[in-house]
Amino acid sequence: QVQLVESGGGLVQAGGSLRLSCAASGRTLSSYAMGWFRQAPGKEREFVAAISWSGGRTSYADSVKGRFTISRDAAKNTVYLQMNSLKPEDTAEYYCAADRTAGIMVRLQAEAYDYWGQGTQVTVSS
């Protein structure tokens, strides 16, 4: 069993930056692909970014490409999402998730992920 805890959310002005962290306990994340998803009020949960177990593959939603960077630190058992040039439309609850069976790939579908954190709120003011 893997427990995931997100942190780093908050209120920021448009154009600003935040770094989200996802710390894992219960098991090492070294063999898991990891993803970040977000859900805004009244909208469905959407894919943001994912990283393979090795860190060698990443994938981003078109809406965040060039602004967000996903990374992982195996020693700290933590995954990060660096968010730059934030826009009001980035406002959402952000969730990290762990995928046990991705292998060397990354997957964009929420249904593929086995473990989820509780979320951290990101609010971008205009």
Foldseek 3Di string as FASTA:
>chain_A
DKAWAKDWADEEAAQAKIKIKIAIPDDAQLQWKKFKWWDAPPGDIFGAKIAGSVRPDMDGDPVQPPFWDWDDDRVRSMIMIIGGRDDQVVWTWMKMFIANPQGRHIDGDPVRTDDIYPTDTHGYHD
